[in-house]
Amino acid sequence: MLAYTRVKGDAVLTLSPFVRLARADRAALEEEGASLARFIEPEARDVSVR
């Protein structure tokens, strides 16, 4: 599951995987999520993936 919000100028992407992820897979998903959030909201002050 994926949710995107903007909080006080920051882009927040919340990911909820359906299965438990390996550490390397989680890191890759967070990196891709941050890239997606920057693409969606290029003017954001900060980007976070949760």
C-alpha atoms as a PDB file:
ATOM      1  CA  MET A   1       0.000   0.000   0.000  1.00  0.00           C
ATOM      2  CA  LEU A   2       1.185   3.524  -0.742  1.00  0.00           C
ATOM      3  CA  ALA A   3       0.078   6.905   0.592  1.00  0.00           C
ATOM      4  CA  TYR A   4       1.422  10.345  -0.271  1.00  0.00           C
ATOM      5  CA  THR A   5       0.921  13.467   1.825  1.00  0.00           C
ATOM      6  CA  ARG A   6       2.417  16.921   2.073  1.00  0.00           C
ATOM      7  CA  VAL A   7       3.055  18.195   5.585  1.00  0.00           C
ATOM      8  CA  LYS A   8       4.173  21.816   6.045  1.00  0.00           C
ATOM      9  CA  GLY A   9       6.090  21.835   2.769  1.00  0.00           C
ATOM     10  CA  ASP A  10       7.578  18.365   3.211  1.00  0.00           C
ATOM     11  CA  ALA A  11       6.706  15.383   1.023  1.00  0.00           C
ATOM     12  CA  VAL A  12       5.889  12.234   2.991  1.00  0.00           C
ATOM     13  CA  LEU A  13       5.522   8.876   1.277  1.00  0.00           C
ATOM     14  CA  THR A  14       4.165   6.084   3.480  1.00  0.00           C
ATOM     15  CA  LEU A  15       4.701   2.522   2.317  1.00  0.00           C
ATOM     16  CA  SER A  16       3.015  -0.532   3.818  1.00  0.00           C
ATOM     17  CA  PRO A  17       4.355  -3.725   2.236  1.00  0.00           C
ATOM     18  CA  PHE A  18       2.111  -6.772   2.311  1.00  0.00           C
ATOM     19  CA  VAL A  19       4.982  -9.070   3.312  1.00  0.00           C
ATOM     20  CA  ARG A  20       8.068  -8.724   5.495  1.00  0.00           C
ATOM     21  CA  LEU A  21      10.999  -7.369   3.478  1.00  0.00           C
ATOM     22  CA  ALA A  22      14.687  -8.167   3.691  1.00  0.00           C
ATOM     23  CA  ARG A  23      16.868  -5.273   4.820  1.00  0.00           C
ATOM     24  CA  ALA A  24      18.334  -4.772   1.317  1.00  0.00           C
ATOM     25  CA  ASP A  25      14.876  -4.813  -0.280  1.00  0.00           C
ATOM     26  CA  ARG A  26      13.591  -2.308   2.268  1.00  0.00           C
ATOM     27  CA  ALA A  27      16.516   0.038   1.564  1.00  0.00           C
ATOM     28  CA  ALA A  28      15.914  -0.212  -2.193  1.00  0.00           C
ATOM     29  CA  LEU A  29      12.202   0.471  -1.719  1.00  0.00           C
ATOM     30  CA  GLU A  30      12.931   3.528   0.442  1.00  0.00           C
ATOM     31  CA  GLU A  31      15.363   4.863  -2.166  1.00  0.00           C
ATOM     32  CA  GLU A  32      12.845   4.415  -4.986  1.00  0.00           C
ATOM     33  CA  GLY A  33      10.117   5.929  -2.809  1.00  0.00           C
ATOM     34  CA  ALA A  34      12.227   9.024  -2.163  1.00  0.00           C
ATOM     35  CA  SER A  35      12.822   9.403  -5.907  1.00  0.00           C
ATOM     36  CA  LEU A  36       9.091   9.090  -6.556  1.00  0.00           C
ATOM     37  CA  ALA A  37       8.251  11.688  -3.891  1.00  0.00           C
ATOM     38  CA  ARG A  38      10.785  14.134  -5.380  1.00  0.00           C
ATOM     39  CA  PHE A  39       9.233  13.576  -8.818  1.00  0.00           C
ATOM     40  CA  ILE A  40       5.685  14.141  -7.529  1.00  0.00           C
ATOM     41  CA  GLU A  41       6.603  17.145  -5.369  1.00  0.00           C
ATOM     42  CA  PRO A  42       9.769  18.797  -6.751  1.00  0.00           C
ATOM     43  CA  GLU A  43       9.241  21.938  -4.640  1.00  0.00           C
ATOM     44  CA  ALA A  44       9.194  20.048  -1.315  1.00  0.00           C
ATOM     45  CA  ARG A  45      11.698  21.216   1.302  1.00  0.00           C
ATOM     46  CA  ASP A  46      12.324  17.673   2.497  1.00  0.00           C
ATOM     47  CA  VAL A  47      11.298  14.171   1.442  1.00  0.00           C
ATOM     48  CA  SER A  48      10.725  11.291   3.836  1.00  0.00           C
ATOM     49  CA  VAL A  49       9.709   7.694   3.300  1.00  0.00           C
ATOM     50  CA  ARG A  50       8.084   5.805   6.136  1.00  0.00           C
END
